């Protein structure tokens, strides 16, 4: 049984990206999935001064260990002004200081969603180019536009074409781990 880590790049208690990750994780039946809510992982803004004064928190070491033990990681990134959120960029900064290749040889299903019609594609594209610098293999990507029109908490993705794209992306990711 393969282990998969699933998380959103958001620290919002109402994160729609976390809802997409929860839904996706719920579709995986034959593999162990560990779902992390990043609300429980607050980190100070990275700076060399903070690193020297505080070192690496237990939460950061724990997160790095979860990532490095996983056969695959599902990440859904949020977007602020067409970029990844400062929170998620900060998480990546801390992780890369602790272990530069924290995603080495790790398959990643990279997703995004937003209330808008672009589905946070700007953030997804930036992170898709960034994660391989830390060793990630981006298996595939999926963007869900217009979250509130295309997602129902009870049913999941309601648009048939988008649901099929999501299913195919998940299947491709799972085939690689």
C-alpha atoms as a PDB file:
ATOM      1  CA  UNK A   1       0.000   0.000   0.000  1.00  0.00           C
ATOM      2  CA  UNK A   2       1.469   3.355  -1.076  1.00  0.00           C
ATOM      3  CA  UNK A   3       1.382   6.397   1.157  1.00  0.00           C
ATOM      4  CA  UNK A   4       0.093   9.683  -0.241  1.00  0.00           C
ATOM      5  CA  UNK A   5       0.264  13.053   1.473  1.00  0.00           C
ATOM      6  CA  UNK A   6      -2.489  15.519   0.536  1.00  0.00           C
ATOM      7  CA  UNK A   7      -2.534  19.225   1.415  1.00  0.00           C
ATOM      8  CA  UNK A   8      -3.550  22.647   0.171  1.00  0.00           C
ATOM      9  CA  UNK A   9      -1.157  25.548  -0.095  1.00  0.00           C
ATOM     10  CA  UNK A  10      -3.518  27.646   1.990  1.00  0.00           C
ATOM     11  CA  UNK A  11      -3.762  28.434   5.677  1.00  0.00           C
ATOM     12  CA  UNK A  12      -7.344  29.674   5.446  1.00  0.00           C
ATOM     13  CA  UNK A  13      -9.918  27.947   7.633  1.00  0.00           C
ATOM     14  CA  UNK A  14     -12.378  28.178   4.708  1.00  0.00           C
ATOM     15  CA  UNK A  15      -9.940  27.138   1.969  1.00  0.00           C
ATOM     16  CA  UNK A  16     -11.635  25.934  -1.202  1.00  0.00           C
ATOM     17  CA  UNK A  17      -8.318  24.357  -2.222  1.00  0.00           C
ATOM     18  CA  UNK A  18      -8.434  22.244   0.933  1.00  0.00           C
ATOM     19  CA  UNK A  19     -11.989  21.222  -0.009  1.00  0.00           C
ATOM     20  CA  UNK A  20     -10.708  20.119  -3.423  1.00  0.00           C
ATOM     21  CA  UNK A  21      -7.880  18.169  -1.761  1.00  0.00           C
ATOM     22  CA  UNK A  22     -10.310  16.490   0.659  1.00  0.00           C
ATOM     23  CA  UNK A  23     -12.545  15.491  -2.233  1.00  0.00           C
ATOM     24  CA  UNK A  24      -9.604  14.147  -4.240  1.00  0.00           C
ATOM     25  CA  UNK A  25      -8.233  12.200  -1.273  1.00  0.00           C
ATOM     26  CA  UNK A  26     -11.673  10.679  -0.759  1.00  0.00           C
ATOM     27  CA  UNK A  27     -11.563   9.171  -4.252  1.00  0.00           C
ATOM     28  CA  UNK A  28      -8.446   7.124  -3.474  1.00  0.00           C
ATOM     29  CA  UNK A  29      -9.413   3.731  -2.191  1.00  0.00           C
ATOM     30  CA  UNK A  30      -6.425   1.412  -2.417  1.00  0.00           C
ATOM     31  CA  UNK A  31      -3.715   3.624  -0.954  1.00  0.00           C
ATOM     32  CA  UNK A  32      -3.126   5.171   2.439  1.00  0.00           C
ATOM     33  CA  UNK A  33      -3.755   8.931   2.337  1.00  0.00           C
ATOM     34  CA  UNK A  34      -2.637  11.369   4.995  1.00  0.00           C
ATOM     35  CA  UNK A  35      -4.607  14.616   4.778  1.00  0.00           C
ATOM     36  CA  UNK A  36      -2.917  17.695   6.288  1.00  0.00           C
ATOM     37  CA  UNK A  37      -4.788  20.892   7.037  1.00  0.00           C
ATOM     38  CA  UNK A  38      -2.180  23.633   6.812  1.00  0.00           C
ATOM     39  CA  UNK A  39      -4.195  25.778   9.231  1.00  0.00           C
ATOM     40  CA  UNK A  40      -2.403  23.683  11.843  1.00  0.00           C
ATOM     41  CA  UNK A  41       1.028  24.669  10.493  1.00  0.00           C
ATOM     42  CA  UNK A  42       1.723  28.333  11.202  1.00  0.00           C
ATOM     43  CA  UNK A  43       5.221  29.520  10.378  1.00  0.00           C
ATOM     44  CA  UNK A  44       6.860  32.903  10.864  1.00  0.00           C
ATOM     45  CA  UNK A  45       7.874  34.742   7.715  1.00  0.00           C
ATOM     46  CA  UNK A  46      11.158  33.300   6.542  1.00  0.00           C
ATOM     47  CA  UNK A  47      14.309  35.367   6.922  1.00  0.00           C
ATOM     48  CA  UNK A  48      17.905  34.418   7.572  1.00  0.00           C
ATOM     49  CA  UNK A  49      17.621  36.227  10.916  1.00  0.00           C
ATOM     50  CA  UNK A  50      14.601  34.125  11.924  1.00  0.00           C
ATOM     51  CA  UNK A  51      16.402  30.961  10.868  1.00  0.00           C
ATOM     52  CA  UNK A  52      19.476  31.842  12.920  1.00  0.00           C
ATOM     53  CA  UNK A  53      17.504  32.994  15.978  1.00  0.00           C
ATOM     54  CA  UNK A  54      14.798  30.311  16.055  1.00  0.00           C
ATOM     55  CA  UNK A  55      16.171  27.462  13.984  1.00  0.00           C
ATOM     56  CA  UNK A  56      13.695  25.004  12.479  1.00  0.00           C
ATOM     57  CA  UNK A  57      10.434  24.429  14.333  1.00  0.00           C
ATOM     58  CA  UNK A  58       9.173  20.980  15.234  1.00  0.00           C
ATOM     59  CA  UNK A  59       6.197  21.630  12.930  1.00  0.00           C
ATOM     60  CA  UNK A  60       8.512  22.270  10.000  1.00  0.00           C
ATOM     61  CA  UNK A  61      10.561  19.132  10.675  1.00  0.00           C
ATOM     62  CA  UNK A  62       7.312  17.146  11.008  1.00  0.00           C
ATOM     63  CA  UNK A  63       5.996  18.508   7.704  1.00  0.00           C
ATOM     64  CA  UNK A  64       9.285  17.760   5.938  1.00  0.00           C
ATOM     65  CA  UNK A  65       9.265  14.212   7.331  1.00  0.00           C
ATOM     66  CA  UNK A  66       5.689  13.616   6.143  1.00  0.00           C
ATOM     67  CA  UNK A  67       6.633  14.829   2.668  1.00  0.00           C
ATOM     68  CA  UNK A  68       9.803  12.774   2.453  1.00  0.00           C
ATOM     69  CA  UNK A  69       8.081   9.569   3.613  1.00  0.00           C
ATOM     70  CA  UNK A  70       5.281   9.878   1.059  1.00  0.00           C
ATOM     71  CA  UNK A  71       5.351   8.049  -2.269  1.00  0.00           C
ATOM     72  CA  UNK A  72       3.273  10.849  -3.743  1.00  0.00           C
ATOM     73  CA  UNK A  73       1.981  14.264  -2.764  1.00  0.00           C
ATOM     74  CA  UNK A  74      -1.257  15.953  -3.779  1.00  0.00           C
ATOM     75  CA  UNK A  75      -1.100  19.736  -3.508  1.00  0.00           C
ATOM     76  CA  UNK A  76      -3.775  22.258  -4.420  1.00  0.00           C
ATOM     77  CA  UNK A  77      -2.438  25.801  -4.543  1.00  0.00           C
ATOM     78  CA  UNK A  78      -4.424  28.913  -3.925  1.00  0.00           C
ATOM     79  CA  UNK A  79      -3.859  32.209  -5.664  1.00  0.00           C
ATOM     80  CA  UNK A  80      -3.478  35.787  -4.520  1.00  0.00           C
ATOM     81  CA  UNK A  81      -3.243  38.308  -7.370  1.00  0.00           C
ATOM     82  CA  UNK A  82      -2.241  35.627  -9.914  1.00  0.00           C
ATOM     83  CA  UNK A  83       0.565  34.307  -7.687  1.00  0.00           C
ATOM     84  CA  UNK A  84       0.911  31.645  -5.008  1.00  0.00           C
ATOM     85  CA  UNK A  85      -0.096  32.899  -1.586  1.00  0.00           C
ATOM     86  CA  UNK A  86       2.621  34.382   0.607  1.00  0.00           C
ATOM     87  CA  UNK A  87       1.842  31.604   3.093  1.00  0.00           C
ATOM     88  CA  UNK A  88       2.636  28.787   0.648  1.00  0.00           C
ATOM     89  CA  UNK A  89       5.728  30.502  -0.729  1.00  0.00           C
ATOM     90  CA  UNK A  90       6.882  30.927   2.879  1.00  0.00           C
ATOM     91  CA  UNK A  91       6.335  27.201   3.566  1.00  0.00           C
ATOM     92  CA  UNK A  92       8.440  26.354   0.522  1.00  0.00           C
ATOM     93  CA  UNK A  93      11.165  28.769   1.657  1.00  0.00           C
ATOM     94  CA  UNK A  94      11.361  27.156   5.104  1.00  0.00           C
ATOM     95  CA  UNK A  95      11.269  23.609   3.731  1.00  0.00           C
ATOM     96  CA  UNK A  96      13.992  24.299   1.189  1.00  0.00           C
ATOM     97  CA  UNK A  97      16.262  25.710   3.894  1.00  0.00           C
ATOM     98  CA  UNK A  98      15.769  22.627   6.035  1.00  0.00           C
ATOM     99  CA  UNK A  99      16.247  20.171   3.128  1.00  0.00           C
ATOM    100  CA  UNK A 100      16.811  21.557  -0.379  1.00  0.00           C
ATOM    101  CA  UNK A 101      15.542  18.430  -2.123  1.00  0.00           C
ATOM    102  CA  UNK A 102      12.601  17.793   0.210  1.00  0.00           C
ATOM    103  CA  UNK A 103      10.569  16.509  -2.762  1.00  0.00           C
ATOM    104  CA  UNK A 104      13.302  14.368  -4.304  1.00  0.00           C
ATOM    105  CA  UNK A 105      11.857  11.610  -6.504  1.00  0.00           C
ATOM    106  CA  UNK A 106       8.332  12.416  -5.279  1.00  0.00           C
ATOM    107  CA  UNK A 107       5.417  12.264  -7.692  1.00  0.00           C
ATOM    108  CA  UNK A 108       3.147  15.307  -7.353  1.00  0.00           C
ATOM    109  CA  UNK A 109      -0.423  15.838  -8.464  1.00  0.00           C
ATOM    110  CA  UNK A 110      -0.612  19.624  -8.609  1.00  0.00           C
ATOM    111  CA  UNK A 111      -4.053  21.201  -8.539  1.00  0.00           C
ATOM    112  CA  UNK A 112      -5.605  24.611  -8.081  1.00  0.00           C
ATOM    113  CA  UNK A 113      -9.000  26.210  -7.820  1.00  0.00           C
ATOM    114  CA  UNK A 114     -10.475  29.651  -7.316  1.00  0.00           C
ATOM    115  CA  UNK A 115     -13.858  31.347  -7.501  1.00  0.00           C
ATOM    116  CA  UNK A 116     -12.808  32.852 -10.845  1.00  0.00           C
ATOM    117  CA  UNK A 117     -12.870  31.435 -14.355  1.00  0.00           C
ATOM    118  CA  UNK A 118      -9.086  30.924 -14.504  1.00  0.00           C
ATOM    119  CA  UNK A 119      -9.104  28.477 -11.571  1.00  0.00           C
ATOM    120  CA  UNK A 120      -5.874  29.869 -10.047  1.00  0.00           C
ATOM    121  CA  UNK A 121      -3.962  28.788 -13.146  1.00  0.00           C
ATOM    122  CA  UNK A 122      -1.399  31.582 -12.635  1.00  0.00           C
ATOM    123  CA  UNK A 123      -0.389  30.187  -9.263  1.00  0.00           C
ATOM    124  CA  UNK A 124      -0.456  26.616 -10.559  1.00  0.00           C
ATOM    125  CA  UNK A 125       1.915  27.482 -13.429  1.00  0.00           C
ATOM    126  CA  UNK A 126       4.388  29.195 -11.095  1.00  0.00           C
ATOM    127  CA  UNK A 127       4.427  26.298  -8.627  1.00  0.00           C
ATOM    128  CA  UNK A 128       4.623  23.757 -11.475  1.00  0.00           C
ATOM    129  CA  UNK A 129       7.920  25.380 -12.533  1.00  0.00           C
ATOM    130  CA  UNK A 130       9.193  25.802  -8.959  1.00  0.00           C
ATOM    131  CA  UNK A 131       8.651  22.368  -7.362  1.00  0.00           C
ATOM    132  CA  UNK A 132      11.044  20.464  -9.663  1.00  0.00           C
ATOM    133  CA  UNK A 133      13.842  22.638  -8.238  1.00  0.00           C
ATOM    134  CA  UNK A 134      13.229  20.771  -4.975  1.00  0.00           C
ATOM    135  CA  UNK A 135      13.241  17.353  -6.655  1.00  0.00           C
ATOM    136  CA  UNK A 136       9.534  16.925  -7.474  1.00  0.00           C
ATOM    137  CA  UNK A 137       8.226  15.032 -10.472  1.00  0.00           C
ATOM    138  CA  UNK A 138       5.024  16.778 -11.518  1.00  0.00           C
ATOM    139  CA  UNK A 139       2.897  13.828 -12.646  1.00  0.00           C
ATOM    140  CA  UNK A 140       0.068  15.970 -13.914  1.00  0.00           C
ATOM    141  CA  UNK A 141      -1.941  19.088 -13.150  1.00  0.00           C
ATOM    142  CA  UNK A 142      -5.601  19.954 -12.777  1.00  0.00           C
ATOM    143  CA  UNK A 143      -7.305  23.326 -12.421  1.00  0.00           C
ATOM    144  CA  UNK A 144     -10.932  23.726 -11.346  1.00  0.00           C
ATOM    145  CA  UNK A 145     -12.338  27.080 -12.480  1.00  0.00           C
ATOM    146  CA  UNK A 146     -15.345  28.793 -10.913  1.00  0.00           C
ATOM    147  CA  UNK A 147     -15.260  26.674  -7.768  1.00  0.00           C
ATOM    148  CA  UNK A 148     -18.664  27.700  -6.444  1.00  0.00           C
ATOM    149  CA  UNK A 149     -20.379  26.890  -9.753  1.00  0.00           C
ATOM    150  CA  UNK A 150     -18.506  23.626 -10.380  1.00  0.00           C
ATOM    151  CA  UNK A 151     -18.214  22.057  -6.934  1.00  0.00           C
ATOM    152  CA  UNK A 152     -20.817  20.767  -4.518  1.00  0.00           C
ATOM    153  CA  UNK A 153     -19.745  19.689  -1.006  1.00  0.00           C
ATOM    154  CA  UNK A 154     -21.938  16.577  -1.246  1.00  0.00           C
ATOM    155  CA  UNK A 155     -21.345  15.618  -4.886  1.00  0.00           C
ATOM    156  CA  UNK A 156     -17.874  16.954  -5.643  1.00  0.00           C
ATOM    157  CA  UNK A 157     -17.113  18.302  -9.110  1.00  0.00           C
ATOM    158  CA  UNK A 158     -20.450  18.834 -10.811  1.00  0.00           C
ATOM    159  CA  UNK A 159     -19.364  19.745 -14.341  1.00  0.00           C
ATOM    160  CA  UNK A 160     -19.049  16.436 -16.217  1.00  0.00           C
ATOM    161  CA  UNK A 161     -16.137  17.477 -18.438  1.00  0.00           C
ATOM    162  CA  UNK A 162     -14.174  18.867 -15.485  1.00  0.00           C
ATOM    163  CA  UNK A 163     -14.991  15.805 -13.382  1.00  0.00           C
ATOM    164  CA  UNK A 164     -13.602  13.591 -16.153  1.00  0.00           C
ATOM    165  CA  UNK A 165     -10.410  15.700 -16.427  1.00  0.00           C
ATOM    166  CA  UNK A 166      -9.980  15.451 -12.661  1.00  0.00           C
ATOM    167  CA  UNK A 167     -10.532  11.692 -12.725  1.00  0.00           C
ATOM    168  CA  UNK A 168      -7.956  11.296 -15.511  1.00  0.00           C
ATOM    169  CA  UNK A 169      -5.401  13.476 -13.695  1.00  0.00           C
ATOM    170  CA  UNK A 170      -5.837  11.471 -10.501  1.00  0.00           C
ATOM    171  CA  UNK A 171      -5.525   8.167 -12.398  1.00  0.00           C
ATOM    172  CA  UNK A 172      -2.328   9.345 -14.105  1.00  0.00           C
ATOM    173  CA  UNK A 173      -0.834  10.398 -10.777  1.00  0.00           C
ATOM    174  CA  UNK A 174      -1.790   7.117  -9.090  1.00  0.00           C
ATOM    175  CA  UNK A 175      -0.300   5.093 -11.946  1.00  0.00           C
ATOM    176  CA  UNK A 176       3.115   6.643 -11.225  1.00  0.00           C
ATOM    177  CA  UNK A 177       3.326   5.827  -7.530  1.00  0.00           C
END
